[in-house]
Amino acid sequence: MHPIVPPAAPTRLTDRKREAIVQAAIAEFRENGFAGTSMDRVAAAADVSKRTVYNHFPSKDELFEAILAQMWERSHAQAEIRYDAGRPLRAQLLAVLEQKMQMLDDASFIDLSRVAMAELMHTPERARALVDRLSEKEEGLPQWLRAAQLHGRLRAGVDANYAAHQLHGMVKSFAFWPQLAMGQPPLAPALRQQVLEDAVDMFLGFYAVAPPVA
């Protein structure tokens, strides 16, 4: 399994300390929740001074939001999602969702998502502010969908963000929400593949433009 926030091998000492703080905070939040985590515990786990923690993150709220921001980015970032006019839409979308599924299969991601969800339910204003700041990062799949629309392979006049949310929702209803809310295990490989293929087939069955009849 990949870690929640894969370290980027920082070279500067200050960057290495910041990364150590983030990773220590992730472990503390997973283990103790938001209320049970203190900056003292994070400093001890990161093997840095409390002052160093506060130099990077002025408050526990800001540290928590930084972690949520990285979770959000990982959840929505898609590596090299480039529309390829020469490849079948189905194969391209399956590749996109495979990336998404790898992240959703990460038990650490599910654990921290549970902590985040519990805290954001208590402070909805934090959730709204975070979503407002980070929604612009959800551009990978919508851009791909817009390119397919411009090429005439997906229905025009459909909001790409709306359609992307639908596609992700079909997957997460099996591979995220049951694990988050009910503690269900990750999907078995056969069911995982079925969920991906059925989601893509249903999506394309509604949005794909039939090729002209020769």
N, C-alpha and C. Protein backbone atom coordinates (compact mmCIF):
# COMPACT_ATOMS: atom_id res chain seq x y z
N MET A 1 0.83 -1.20 0.00
CA MET A 1 0.00 0.00 0.00
C MET A 1 0.87 1.26 0.00
N HIS A 2 0.44 2.28 -0.70
CA HIS A 2 1.14 3.55 -0.70
C HIS A 2 0.78 4.31 0.57
N PRO A 3 1.72 5.14 1.09
CA PRO A 3 1.39 5.97 2.24
C PRO A 3 0.39 7.03 1.84
N ILE A 4 -0.27 7.60 2.86
CA ILE A 4 -1.26 8.63 2.59
C ILE A 4 -0.66 9.77 1.79
N VAL A 5 0.48 10.29 2.24
CA VAL A 5 1.12 11.40 1.55
C VAL A 5 2.53 10.96 1.20
N PRO A 6 2.74 10.42 0.01
CA PRO A 6 4.06 9.89 -0.34
C PRO A 6 5.11 10.99 -0.25
N PRO A 7 6.18 10.77 0.53
CA PRO A 7 7.20 11.80 0.65
C PRO A 7 7.89 12.04 -0.66
N ALA A 8 8.24 13.30 -0.92
CA ALA A 8 8.87 13.67 -2.18
C ALA A 8 10.38 13.79 -2.03
N ALA A 9 10.96 13.08 -1.08
CA ALA A 9 12.41 13.09 -0.84
C ALA A 9 12.95 14.52 -0.77
N PRO A 10 12.46 15.33 0.18
CA PRO A 10 12.95 16.71 0.28
C PRO A 10 14.43 16.74 0.62
N THR A 11 15.13 17.70 0.09
CA THR A 11 16.57 17.78 0.31
C THR A 11 16.95 18.82 1.37
N ARG A 12 16.21 19.93 1.46
CA ARG A 12 16.52 20.92 2.47
C ARG A 12 16.10 20.43 3.85
N LEU A 13 16.89 20.82 4.86
CA LEU A 13 16.59 20.38 6.22
C LEU A 13 15.20 20.83 6.63
N THR A 14 14.84 22.08 6.34
CA THR A 14 13.52 22.58 6.75
C THR A 14 12.40 21.79 6.06
N ASP A 15 12.63 21.38 4.80
CA ASP A 15 11.62 20.59 4.11
C ASP A 15 11.52 19.19 4.69
N ARG A 16 12.67 18.64 5.08
CA ARG A 16 12.64 17.30 5.69
C ARG A 16 11.92 17.33 7.03
N LYS A 17 12.14 18.41 7.79
CA LYS A 17 11.44 18.53 9.07
C LYS A 17 9.94 18.68 8.85
N ARG A 18 9.57 19.49 7.87
CA ARG A 18 8.14 19.67 7.60
C ARG A 18 7.51 18.34 7.22
N GLU A 19 8.19 17.57 6.38
CA GLU A 19 7.65 16.27 5.97
C GLU A 19 7.54 15.33 7.16
N ALA A 20 8.54 15.36 8.06
CA ALA A 20 8.48 14.52 9.25
C ALA A 20 7.30 14.92 10.13
N ILE A 21 7.04 16.21 10.24
CA ILE A 21 5.90 16.68 11.03
C ILE A 21 4.59 16.20 10.43
N VAL A 22 4.47 16.32 9.12
CA VAL A 22 3.23 15.89 8.44
C VAL A 22 3.00 14.40 8.64
N GLN A 23 4.04 13.60 8.44
CA GLN A 23 3.88 12.15 8.57
C GLN A 23 3.56 11.77 10.02
N ALA A 24 4.21 12.44 10.97
CA ALA A 24 3.91 12.16 12.38
C ALA A 24 2.49 12.56 12.72
N ALA A 25 2.04 13.70 12.19
CA ALA A 25 0.67 14.15 12.46
C ALA A 25 -0.35 13.20 11.87
N ILE A 26 -0.07 12.68 10.67
CA ILE A 26 -0.99 11.71 10.06
C ILE A 26 -1.16 10.51 10.99
N ALA A 27 -0.05 9.99 11.49
CA ALA A 27 -0.13 8.83 12.38
C ALA A 27 -0.88 9.17 13.67
N GLU A 28 -0.63 10.35 14.21
CA GLU A 28 -1.31 10.75 15.45
C GLU A 28 -2.81 10.94 15.23
N PHE A 29 -3.18 11.62 14.15
CA PHE A 29 -4.60 11.82 13.88
C PHE A 29 -5.31 10.49 13.64
N ARG A 30 -4.65 9.57 12.93
CA ARG A 30 -5.24 8.25 12.69
C ARG A 30 -5.46 7.51 14.01
N GLU A 31 -4.48 7.60 14.89
CA GLU A 31 -4.53 6.83 16.14
C GLU A 31 -5.44 7.46 17.18
N ASN A 32 -5.43 8.79 17.28
CA ASN A 32 -6.09 9.46 18.41
C ASN A 32 -7.22 10.40 18.01
N GLY A 33 -7.45 10.57 16.71
CA GLY A 33 -8.47 11.52 16.29
C GLY A 33 -7.98 12.95 16.44
N PHE A 34 -8.82 13.89 16.02
CA PHE A 34 -8.42 15.30 16.07
C PHE A 34 -8.30 15.78 17.53
N ALA A 35 -9.32 15.51 18.32
CA ALA A 35 -9.33 16.02 19.69
C ALA A 35 -8.21 15.42 20.53
N GLY A 36 -7.85 14.16 20.27
CA GLY A 36 -6.85 13.48 21.07
C GLY A 36 -5.42 13.74 20.63
N THR A 37 -5.23 14.50 19.56
CA THR A 37 -3.89 14.79 19.07
C THR A 37 -3.46 16.17 19.54
N SER A 38 -2.25 16.26 20.04
CA SER A 38 -1.70 17.55 20.49
C SER A 38 -0.44 17.85 19.71
N MET A 39 -0.08 19.11 19.67
CA MET A 39 1.15 19.51 19.00
C MET A 39 2.37 18.94 19.73
N ASP A 40 2.27 18.74 21.04
CA ASP A 40 3.36 18.12 21.79
C ASP A 40 3.60 16.70 21.30
N ARG A 41 2.51 15.95 21.12
CA ARG A 41 2.63 14.56 20.66
C ARG A 41 3.21 14.52 19.25
N VAL A 42 2.76 15.43 18.42
CA VAL A 42 3.28 15.47 17.05
C VAL A 42 4.77 15.79 17.05
N ALA A 43 5.18 16.75 17.86
CA ALA A 43 6.60 17.11 17.93
C ALA A 43 7.44 15.92 18.39
N ALA A 44 6.96 15.22 19.41
CA ALA A 44 7.71 14.07 19.91
C ALA A 44 7.81 12.97 18.86
N ALA A 45 6.69 12.72 18.17
CA ALA A 45 6.70 11.66 17.15
C ALA A 45 7.58 12.03 15.96
N ALA A 46 7.67 13.31 15.65
CA ALA A 46 8.49 13.76 14.52
C ALA A 46 9.95 13.97 14.92
N ASP A 47 10.23 13.88 16.23
CA ASP A 47 11.58 14.09 16.75
C ASP A 47 12.08 15.50 16.43
N VAL A 48 11.20 16.45 16.62
CA VAL A 48 11.56 17.87 16.46
C VAL A 48 11.04 18.62 17.68
N SER A 49 11.46 19.86 17.82
CA SER A 49 10.96 20.65 18.94
C SER A 49 9.55 21.14 18.66
N LYS A 50 8.85 21.46 19.75
CA LYS A 50 7.51 22.02 19.59
C LYS A 50 7.57 23.34 18.84
N ARG A 51 8.61 24.11 19.06
CA ARG A 51 8.76 25.37 18.35
C ARG A 51 8.88 25.14 16.84
N THR A 52 9.58 24.09 16.46
CA THR A 52 9.71 23.78 15.03
C THR A 52 8.35 23.46 14.42
N VAL A 53 7.54 22.71 15.16
CA VAL A 53 6.20 22.40 14.67
C VAL A 53 5.42 23.70 14.44
N TYR A 54 5.46 24.59 15.41
CA TYR A 54 4.70 25.83 15.29
C TYR A 54 5.28 26.76 14.22
N ASN A 55 6.58 26.65 13.95
CA ASN A 55 7.16 27.45 12.87
C ASN A 55 6.57 27.05 11.51
N HIS A 56 6.27 25.77 11.36
CA HIS A 56 5.70 25.28 10.10
C HIS A 56 4.18 25.39 10.08
N PHE A 57 3.57 25.15 11.24
CA PHE A 57 2.11 25.13 11.33
C PHE A 57 1.70 25.88 12.61
N PRO A 58 1.20 27.10 12.47
CA PRO A 58 0.90 27.93 13.64
C PRO A 58 -0.14 27.35 14.59
N SER A 59 -0.95 26.39 14.14
CA SER A 59 -1.97 25.82 15.01
C SER A 59 -2.28 24.39 14.58
N LYS A 60 -2.93 23.66 15.47
CA LYS A 60 -3.33 22.30 15.13
C LYS A 60 -4.33 22.32 13.98
N ASP A 61 -5.19 23.32 13.96
CA ASP A 61 -6.16 23.43 12.87
C ASP A 61 -5.45 23.55 11.53
N GLU A 62 -4.41 24.38 11.47
CA GLU A 62 -3.70 24.56 10.21
C GLU A 62 -2.93 23.30 9.81
N LEU A 63 -2.39 22.59 10.79
CA LEU A 63 -1.73 21.33 10.50
C LEU A 63 -2.73 20.32 9.94
N PHE A 64 -3.89 20.24 10.55
CA PHE A 64 -4.93 19.33 10.10
C PHE A 64 -5.38 19.67 8.69
N GLU A 65 -5.56 20.96 8.43
CA GLU A 65 -6.01 21.38 7.11
C GLU A 65 -4.94 21.10 6.05
N ALA A 66 -3.67 21.21 6.42
CA ALA A 66 -2.60 20.89 5.47
C ALA A 66 -2.66 19.42 5.08
N ILE A 67 -2.95 18.56 6.05
CA ILE A 67 -3.05 17.14 5.75
C ILE A 67 -4.27 16.87 4.88
N LEU A 68 -5.40 17.51 5.21
CA LEU A 68 -6.59 17.33 4.40
C LEU A 68 -6.35 17.81 2.97
N ALA A 69 -5.59 18.89 2.83
CA ALA A 69 -5.29 19.40 1.49
C ALA A 69 -4.51 18.37 0.69
N GLN A 70 -3.55 17.71 1.33
CA GLN A 70 -2.77 16.70 0.63
C GLN A 70 -3.64 15.48 0.31
N MET A 71 -4.54 15.12 1.23
CA MET A 71 -5.48 14.04 0.94
C MET A 71 -6.33 14.38 -0.28
N TRP A 72 -6.83 15.61 -0.30
CA TRP A 72 -7.68 16.05 -1.41
C TRP A 72 -6.92 15.98 -2.72
N GLU A 73 -5.69 16.48 -2.70
CA GLU A 73 -4.88 16.47 -3.91
C GLU A 73 -4.62 15.05 -4.38
N ARG A 74 -4.34 14.15 -3.45
CA ARG A 74 -4.10 12.78 -3.86
C ARG A 74 -5.37 12.14 -4.39
N SER A 75 -6.49 12.47 -3.77
CA SER A 75 -7.76 11.89 -4.18
C SER A 75 -8.15 12.30 -5.59
N HIS A 76 -7.80 13.54 -5.99
CA HIS A 76 -8.27 14.06 -7.26
C HIS A 76 -7.19 14.16 -8.32
N ALA A 77 -5.93 14.06 -7.89
CA ALA A 77 -4.86 14.15 -8.88
C ALA A 77 -4.82 12.90 -9.73
N GLN A 78 -4.67 13.08 -11.00
CA GLN A 78 -4.54 11.96 -11.92
C GLN A 78 -3.27 12.18 -12.74
N ALA A 79 -2.34 11.23 -12.66
CA ALA A 79 -1.08 11.38 -13.36
C ALA A 79 -1.29 11.24 -14.86
N GLU A 80 -0.90 12.28 -15.57
CA GLU A 80 -0.90 12.24 -17.02
C GLU A 80 -2.22 11.78 -17.61
N ILE A 81 -3.31 12.41 -17.19
CA ILE A 81 -4.60 12.12 -17.83
C ILE A 81 -4.68 12.94 -19.10
N ARG A 82 -4.33 12.33 -20.18
CA ARG A 82 -4.36 13.02 -21.45
C ARG A 82 -5.29 12.27 -22.41
N TYR A 83 -6.20 13.01 -22.96
CA TYR A 83 -7.13 12.41 -23.91
C TYR A 83 -6.37 11.96 -25.15
N ASP A 84 -6.63 10.74 -25.57
CA ASP A 84 -5.98 10.15 -26.75
C ASP A 84 -7.06 9.81 -27.76
N ALA A 85 -7.12 10.58 -28.83
CA ALA A 85 -8.16 10.38 -29.84
C ALA A 85 -8.05 9.02 -30.52
N GLY A 86 -6.89 8.40 -30.44
CA GLY A 86 -6.71 7.12 -31.11
C GLY A 86 -7.03 5.91 -30.26
N ARG A 87 -7.35 6.11 -28.98
CA ARG A 87 -7.64 4.97 -28.10
C ARG A 87 -9.12 4.93 -27.78
N PRO A 88 -9.66 3.73 -27.57
CA PRO A 88 -11.07 3.62 -27.16
C PRO A 88 -11.30 4.37 -25.85
N LEU A 89 -12.45 5.00 -25.75
CA LEU A 89 -12.80 5.71 -24.52
C LEU A 89 -12.81 4.77 -23.33
N ARG A 90 -13.32 3.57 -23.52
CA ARG A 90 -13.45 2.62 -22.41
C ARG A 90 -12.08 2.31 -21.79
N ALA A 91 -11.08 2.06 -22.63
CA ALA A 91 -9.75 1.74 -22.11
C ALA A 91 -9.17 2.92 -21.36
N GLN A 92 -9.38 4.13 -21.87
CA GLN A 92 -8.84 5.30 -21.19
C GLN A 92 -9.50 5.53 -19.84
N LEU A 93 -10.81 5.41 -19.79
CA LEU A 93 -11.51 5.62 -18.52
C LEU A 93 -11.17 4.54 -17.51
N LEU A 94 -11.01 3.32 -17.95
CA LEU A 94 -10.62 2.25 -17.02
C LEU A 94 -9.25 2.54 -16.41
N ALA A 95 -8.33 3.07 -17.22
CA ALA A 95 -7.01 3.41 -16.69
C ALA A 95 -7.12 4.52 -15.65
N VAL A 96 -7.97 5.51 -15.90
CA VAL A 96 -8.18 6.60 -14.94
C VAL A 96 -8.72 6.06 -13.62
N LEU A 97 -9.73 5.19 -13.71
CA LEU A 97 -10.35 4.67 -12.49
C LEU A 97 -9.45 3.69 -11.75
N GLU A 98 -8.56 3.01 -12.47
CA GLU A 98 -7.60 2.14 -11.80
C GLU A 98 -6.72 2.96 -10.86
N GLN A 99 -6.30 4.15 -11.30
CA GLN A 99 -5.52 5.01 -10.42
C GLN A 99 -6.32 5.38 -9.17
N LYS A 100 -7.57 5.74 -9.40
CA LYS A 100 -8.43 6.11 -8.28
C LYS A 100 -8.59 4.95 -7.31
N MET A 101 -8.77 3.75 -7.83
CA MET A 101 -9.00 2.59 -6.99
C MET A 101 -7.77 2.25 -6.16
N GLN A 102 -6.58 2.46 -6.69
CA GLN A 102 -5.38 2.19 -5.92
C GLN A 102 -5.34 3.04 -4.65
N MET A 103 -5.76 4.29 -4.78
CA MET A 103 -5.79 5.16 -3.60
C MET A 103 -6.90 4.74 -2.64
N LEU A 104 -8.07 4.38 -3.18
CA LEU A 104 -9.18 4.00 -2.32
C LEU A 104 -8.92 2.69 -1.59
N ASP A 105 -8.04 1.85 -2.13
CA ASP A 105 -7.69 0.59 -1.47
C ASP A 105 -6.73 0.77 -0.31
N ASP A 106 -6.20 1.96 -0.13
CA ASP A 106 -5.21 2.22 0.91
C ASP A 106 -5.91 2.35 2.26
N ALA A 107 -5.65 1.42 3.15
CA ALA A 107 -6.29 1.44 4.47
C ALA A 107 -5.95 2.71 5.25
N SER A 108 -4.74 3.22 5.07
CA SER A 108 -4.35 4.45 5.76
C SER A 108 -5.19 5.62 5.28
N PHE A 109 -5.45 5.67 3.99
CA PHE A 109 -6.27 6.75 3.45
C PHE A 109 -7.68 6.67 4.02
N ILE A 110 -8.22 5.47 4.12
CA ILE A 110 -9.56 5.30 4.68
C ILE A 110 -9.58 5.74 6.14
N ASP A 111 -8.57 5.34 6.92
CA ASP A 111 -8.53 5.71 8.33
C ASP A 111 -8.51 7.22 8.51
N LEU A 112 -7.66 7.88 7.76
CA LEU A 112 -7.55 9.32 7.92
C LEU A 112 -8.78 10.03 7.37
N SER A 113 -9.37 9.48 6.34
CA SER A 113 -10.62 10.06 5.82
C SER A 113 -11.71 10.00 6.89
N ARG A 114 -11.71 8.93 7.67
CA ARG A 114 -12.71 8.80 8.74
C ARG A 114 -12.50 9.88 9.80
N VAL A 115 -11.24 10.12 10.16
CA VAL A 115 -10.94 11.19 11.11
C VAL A 115 -11.39 12.54 10.55
N ALA A 116 -11.06 12.77 9.29
CA ALA A 116 -11.42 14.04 8.66
C ALA A 116 -12.92 14.22 8.61
N MET A 117 -13.63 13.18 8.24
CA MET A 117 -15.08 13.28 8.14
C MET A 117 -15.71 13.60 9.50
N ALA A 118 -15.24 12.94 10.55
CA ALA A 118 -15.79 13.19 11.87
C ALA A 118 -15.56 14.64 12.30
N GLU A 119 -14.36 15.16 12.03
CA GLU A 119 -14.05 16.52 12.44
C GLU A 119 -14.82 17.54 11.59
N LEU A 120 -14.90 17.29 10.30
CA LEU A 120 -15.58 18.25 9.43
C LEU A 120 -17.08 18.29 9.70
N MET A 121 -17.64 17.19 10.19
CA MET A 121 -19.05 17.20 10.56
C MET A 121 -19.29 18.13 11.75
N HIS A 122 -18.29 18.26 12.62
CA HIS A 122 -18.42 19.15 13.78
C HIS A 122 -18.12 20.60 13.42
N THR A 123 -17.34 20.81 12.36
CA THR A 123 -16.98 22.17 11.96
C THR A 123 -17.23 22.33 10.46
N PRO A 124 -18.50 22.42 10.05
CA PRO A 124 -18.80 22.50 8.61
C PRO A 124 -18.20 23.71 7.94
N GLU A 125 -17.97 24.78 8.70
CA GLU A 125 -17.37 25.96 8.08
C GLU A 125 -15.97 25.66 7.58
N ARG A 126 -15.24 24.78 8.30
CA ARG A 126 -13.91 24.38 7.84
C ARG A 126 -14.02 23.59 6.55
N ALA A 127 -15.02 22.72 6.48
CA ALA A 127 -15.21 21.92 5.27
C ALA A 127 -15.50 22.81 4.08
N ARG A 128 -16.39 23.79 4.27
CA ARG A 128 -16.74 24.67 3.15
C ARG A 128 -15.53 25.47 2.68
N ALA A 129 -14.75 25.98 3.63
CA ALA A 129 -13.58 26.78 3.26
C ALA A 129 -12.56 25.93 2.51
N LEU A 130 -12.37 24.70 2.99
CA LEU A 130 -11.39 23.83 2.35
C LEU A 130 -11.83 23.47 0.94
N VAL A 131 -13.09 23.13 0.78
CA VAL A 131 -13.59 22.79 -0.55
C VAL A 131 -13.47 23.97 -1.49
N ASP A 132 -13.79 25.16 -1.01
CA ASP A 132 -13.68 26.35 -1.86
C ASP A 132 -12.25 26.58 -2.33
N ARG A 133 -11.28 26.33 -1.44
CA ARG A 133 -9.88 26.58 -1.81
C ARG A 133 -9.33 25.53 -2.75
N LEU A 134 -9.82 24.31 -2.64
CA LEU A 134 -9.18 23.20 -3.34
C LEU A 134 -9.97 22.65 -4.52
N SER A 135 -11.19 23.10 -4.72
CA SER A 135 -12.00 22.53 -5.80
C SER A 135 -11.36 22.72 -7.16
N GLU A 136 -10.55 23.78 -7.29
CA GLU A 136 -9.91 24.04 -8.58
C GLU A 136 -8.90 22.95 -8.93
N LYS A 137 -8.52 22.11 -7.98
CA LYS A 137 -7.56 21.06 -8.25
C LYS A 137 -8.20 19.83 -8.88
N GLU A 138 -9.50 19.79 -9.02
CA GLU A 138 -10.20 18.64 -9.54
C GLU A 138 -10.30 18.67 -11.07
N GLU A 139 -9.25 19.03 -11.73
CA GLU A 139 -9.36 19.29 -13.15
C GLU A 139 -8.93 18.14 -14.05
N GLY A 140 -8.29 17.10 -13.52
CA GLY A 140 -7.78 16.04 -14.37
C GLY A 140 -8.83 15.37 -15.23
N LEU A 141 -9.79 14.71 -14.58
CA LEU A 141 -10.83 14.00 -15.32
C LEU A 141 -11.75 14.96 -16.07
N PRO A 142 -12.20 16.09 -15.48
CA PRO A 142 -13.03 17.01 -16.26
C PRO A 142 -12.36 17.50 -17.54
N GLN A 143 -11.06 17.76 -17.50
CA GLN A 143 -10.37 18.18 -18.71
C GLN A 143 -10.39 17.08 -19.76
N TRP A 144 -10.20 15.85 -19.32
CA TRP A 144 -10.26 14.73 -20.25
C TRP A 144 -11.65 14.64 -20.88
N LEU A 145 -12.67 14.80 -20.07
CA LEU A 145 -14.03 14.72 -20.59
C LEU A 145 -14.31 15.85 -21.58
N ARG A 146 -13.82 17.04 -21.29
CA ARG A 146 -14.03 18.15 -22.22
C ARG A 146 -13.35 17.89 -23.56
N ALA A 147 -12.16 17.30 -23.51
CA ALA A 147 -11.46 16.97 -24.76
C ALA A 147 -12.25 15.96 -25.57
N ALA A 148 -12.81 14.95 -24.89
CA ALA A 148 -13.62 13.95 -25.60
C ALA A 148 -14.88 14.58 -26.18
N GLN A 149 -15.44 15.57 -25.47
CA GLN A 149 -16.60 16.28 -26.00
C GLN A 149 -16.23 17.08 -27.25
N LEU A 150 -15.11 17.78 -27.20
CA LEU A 150 -14.68 18.58 -28.35
C LEU A 150 -14.41 17.70 -29.57
N HIS A 151 -14.00 16.46 -29.31
CA HIS A 151 -13.73 15.53 -30.40
C HIS A 151 -15.00 14.84 -30.88
N GLY A 152 -16.13 15.15 -30.25
CA GLY A 152 -17.40 14.59 -30.68
C GLY A 152 -17.67 13.18 -30.22
N ARG A 153 -16.93 12.71 -29.21
CA ARG A 153 -17.10 11.32 -28.76
C ARG A 153 -17.94 11.21 -27.50
N LEU A 154 -18.13 12.34 -26.81
CA LEU A 154 -19.05 12.41 -25.68
C LEU A 154 -20.06 13.51 -25.93
N ARG A 155 -21.24 13.37 -25.34
CA ARG A 155 -22.31 14.34 -25.56
C ARG A 155 -21.87 15.76 -25.23
N ALA A 156 -22.17 16.68 -26.12
CA ALA A 156 -21.91 18.09 -25.88
C ALA A 156 -22.97 18.65 -24.94
N GLY A 157 -22.68 19.79 -24.34
CA GLY A 157 -23.66 20.45 -23.49
C GLY A 157 -23.78 19.87 -22.11
N VAL A 158 -22.93 18.93 -21.75
CA VAL A 158 -22.95 18.32 -20.41
C VAL A 158 -21.80 18.92 -19.61
N ASP A 159 -22.07 19.33 -18.38
CA ASP A 159 -21.03 19.88 -17.52
C ASP A 159 -20.03 18.78 -17.16
N ALA A 160 -18.75 19.00 -17.50
CA ALA A 160 -17.74 17.96 -17.30
C ALA A 160 -17.50 17.69 -15.82
N ASN A 161 -17.57 18.71 -14.97
CA ASN A 161 -17.39 18.47 -13.54
C ASN A 161 -18.52 17.60 -12.98
N TYR A 162 -19.72 17.86 -13.44
CA TYR A 162 -20.88 17.06 -13.02
C TYR A 162 -20.70 15.61 -13.44
N ALA A 163 -20.30 15.40 -14.69
CA ALA A 163 -20.13 14.04 -15.20
C ALA A 163 -18.99 13.32 -14.48
N ALA A 164 -17.89 14.03 -14.21
CA ALA A 164 -16.77 13.41 -13.48
C ALA A 164 -17.20 12.99 -12.09
N HIS A 165 -17.99 13.84 -11.44
CA HIS A 165 -18.47 13.51 -10.10
C HIS A 165 -19.35 12.26 -10.14
N GLN A 166 -20.17 12.13 -11.17
CA GLN A 166 -20.99 10.93 -11.32
C GLN A 166 -20.13 9.68 -11.45
N LEU A 167 -19.12 9.75 -12.29
CA LEU A 167 -18.29 8.57 -12.53
C LEU A 167 -17.55 8.16 -11.26
N HIS A 168 -16.95 9.13 -10.59
CA HIS A 168 -16.27 8.81 -9.34
C HIS A 168 -17.25 8.27 -8.30
N GLY A 169 -18.45 8.83 -8.28
CA GLY A 169 -19.44 8.40 -7.31
C GLY A 169 -19.84 6.95 -7.47
N MET A 170 -19.92 6.49 -8.72
CA MET A 170 -20.28 5.09 -8.95
C MET A 170 -19.23 4.15 -8.38
N VAL A 171 -17.97 4.55 -8.43
CA VAL A 171 -16.91 3.72 -7.88
C VAL A 171 -16.88 3.82 -6.36
N LYS A 172 -16.97 5.04 -5.84
CA LYS A 172 -16.84 5.23 -4.39
C LYS A 172 -18.02 4.66 -3.61
N SER A 173 -19.16 4.48 -4.27
CA SER A 173 -20.29 3.87 -3.56
C SER A 173 -20.01 2.42 -3.19
N PHE A 174 -19.05 1.79 -3.88
CA PHE A 174 -18.64 0.41 -3.56
C PHE A 174 -17.28 0.36 -2.86
N ALA A 175 -16.39 1.28 -3.21
CA ALA A 175 -14.99 1.14 -2.80
C ALA A 175 -14.50 2.25 -1.89
N PHE A 176 -15.40 3.04 -1.30
CA PHE A 176 -14.97 4.07 -0.36
C PHE A 176 -15.95 4.22 0.79
N TRP A 177 -17.21 4.54 0.47
CA TRP A 177 -18.18 4.80 1.53
C TRP A 177 -18.48 3.58 2.40
N PRO A 178 -18.61 2.37 1.87
CA PRO A 178 -18.83 1.22 2.78
C PRO A 178 -17.63 0.99 3.71
N GLN A 179 -16.42 1.19 3.20
CA GLN A 179 -15.23 1.01 4.02
C GLN A 179 -15.11 2.12 5.06
N LEU A 180 -15.47 3.34 4.67
CA LEU A 180 -15.39 4.48 5.58
C LEU A 180 -16.42 4.40 6.69
N ALA A 181 -17.67 4.12 6.30
CA ALA A 181 -18.77 4.22 7.26
C ALA A 181 -19.05 2.92 8.00
N MET A 182 -18.78 1.79 7.35
CA MET A 182 -19.17 0.50 7.95
C MET A 182 -18.00 -0.45 8.17
N GLY A 183 -16.79 0.00 7.89
CA GLY A 183 -15.62 -0.81 8.16
C GLY A 183 -15.49 -2.04 7.28
N GLN A 184 -16.11 -2.02 6.12
CA GLN A 184 -16.00 -3.16 5.22
C GLN A 184 -14.59 -3.25 4.65
N PRO A 185 -14.14 -4.46 4.31
CA PRO A 185 -12.79 -4.62 3.76
C PRO A 185 -12.72 -4.11 2.33
N PRO A 186 -11.51 -3.89 1.82
CA PRO A 186 -11.38 -3.54 0.41
C PRO A 186 -12.02 -4.59 -0.49
N LEU A 187 -12.39 -4.18 -1.68
CA LEU A 187 -13.03 -5.11 -2.60
C LEU A 187 -12.08 -6.21 -3.02
N ALA A 188 -12.62 -7.42 -3.16
CA ALA A 188 -11.84 -8.52 -3.73
C ALA A 188 -11.52 -8.19 -5.19
N PRO A 189 -10.41 -8.70 -5.72
CA PRO A 189 -9.99 -8.33 -7.08
C PRO A 189 -11.07 -8.49 -8.14
N ALA A 190 -11.82 -9.59 -8.10
CA ALA A 190 -12.84 -9.82 -9.13
C ALA A 190 -13.95 -8.78 -9.02
N LEU A 191 -14.40 -8.50 -7.80
CA LEU A 191 -15.46 -7.50 -7.62
C LEU A 191 -14.94 -6.11 -7.96
N ARG A 192 -13.72 -5.84 -7.60
CA ARG A 192 -13.11 -4.55 -7.94
C ARG A 192 -13.14 -4.32 -9.45
N GLN A 193 -12.75 -5.33 -10.20
CA GLN A 193 -12.75 -5.18 -11.66
C GLN A 193 -14.16 -5.02 -12.20
N GLN A 194 -15.09 -5.75 -11.62
CA GLN A 194 -16.48 -5.63 -12.06
C GLN A 194 -17.02 -4.23 -11.80
N VAL A 195 -16.71 -3.68 -10.63
CA VAL A 195 -17.18 -2.33 -10.31
C VAL A 195 -16.62 -1.32 -11.31
N LEU A 196 -15.34 -1.43 -11.61
CA LEU A 196 -14.73 -0.49 -12.55
C LEU A 196 -15.36 -0.61 -13.94
N GLU A 197 -15.46 -1.83 -14.42
CA GLU A 197 -15.98 -2.02 -15.78
C GLU A 197 -17.45 -1.62 -15.88
N ASP A 198 -18.23 -1.97 -14.87
CA ASP A 198 -19.65 -1.61 -14.92
C ASP A 198 -19.83 -0.09 -14.85
N ALA A 199 -19.01 0.58 -14.02
CA ALA A 199 -19.12 2.04 -13.91
C ALA A 199 -18.81 2.70 -15.25
N VAL A 200 -17.75 2.25 -15.90
CA VAL A 200 -17.37 2.83 -17.19
C VAL A 200 -18.43 2.52 -18.24
N ASP A 201 -18.93 1.29 -18.25
CA ASP A 201 -19.93 0.92 -19.26
C ASP A 201 -21.22 1.72 -19.07
N MET A 202 -21.65 1.90 -17.82
CA MET A 202 -22.86 2.69 -17.59
C MET A 202 -22.64 4.15 -17.97
N PHE A 203 -21.47 4.66 -17.63
CA PHE A 203 -21.15 6.05 -17.96
C PHE A 203 -21.15 6.27 -19.47
N LEU A 204 -20.46 5.41 -20.19
CA LEU A 204 -20.40 5.57 -21.64
C LEU A 204 -21.74 5.27 -22.31
N GLY A 205 -22.52 4.36 -21.70
CA GLY A 205 -23.82 4.08 -22.26
C GLY A 205 -24.72 5.29 -22.26
N PHE A 206 -24.48 6.21 -21.32
CA PHE A 206 -25.29 7.43 -21.24
C PHE A 206 -24.67 8.60 -21.98
N TYR A 207 -23.34 8.72 -21.90
CA TYR A 207 -22.68 9.93 -22.41
C TYR A 207 -22.00 9.75 -23.78
N ALA A 208 -21.64 8.55 -24.15
CA ALA A 208 -20.89 8.36 -25.39
C ALA A 208 -21.77 8.66 -26.61
N VAL A 209 -21.16 9.22 -27.63
CA VAL A 209 -21.85 9.49 -28.90
C VAL A 209 -21.59 8.31 -29.83
N ALA A 210 -22.65 7.72 -30.34
CA ALA A 210 -22.52 6.56 -31.24
C ALA A 210 -21.82 6.99 -32.52
N PRO A 211 -20.85 6.19 -33.00
CA PRO A 211 -20.19 6.55 -34.27
C PRO A 211 -21.19 6.51 -35.41
N PRO A 212 -20.96 7.33 -36.44
CA PRO A 212 -21.88 7.33 -37.57
C PRO A 212 -21.92 6.00 -38.28
N VAL A 213 -23.08 5.63 -38.75
CA VAL A 213 -23.22 4.36 -39.47
C VAL A 213 -22.67 4.53 -40.88
N ALA A 214 -21.79 3.61 -41.27
CA ALA A 214 -21.15 3.71 -42.58
C ALA A 214 -22.17 3.43 -43.69
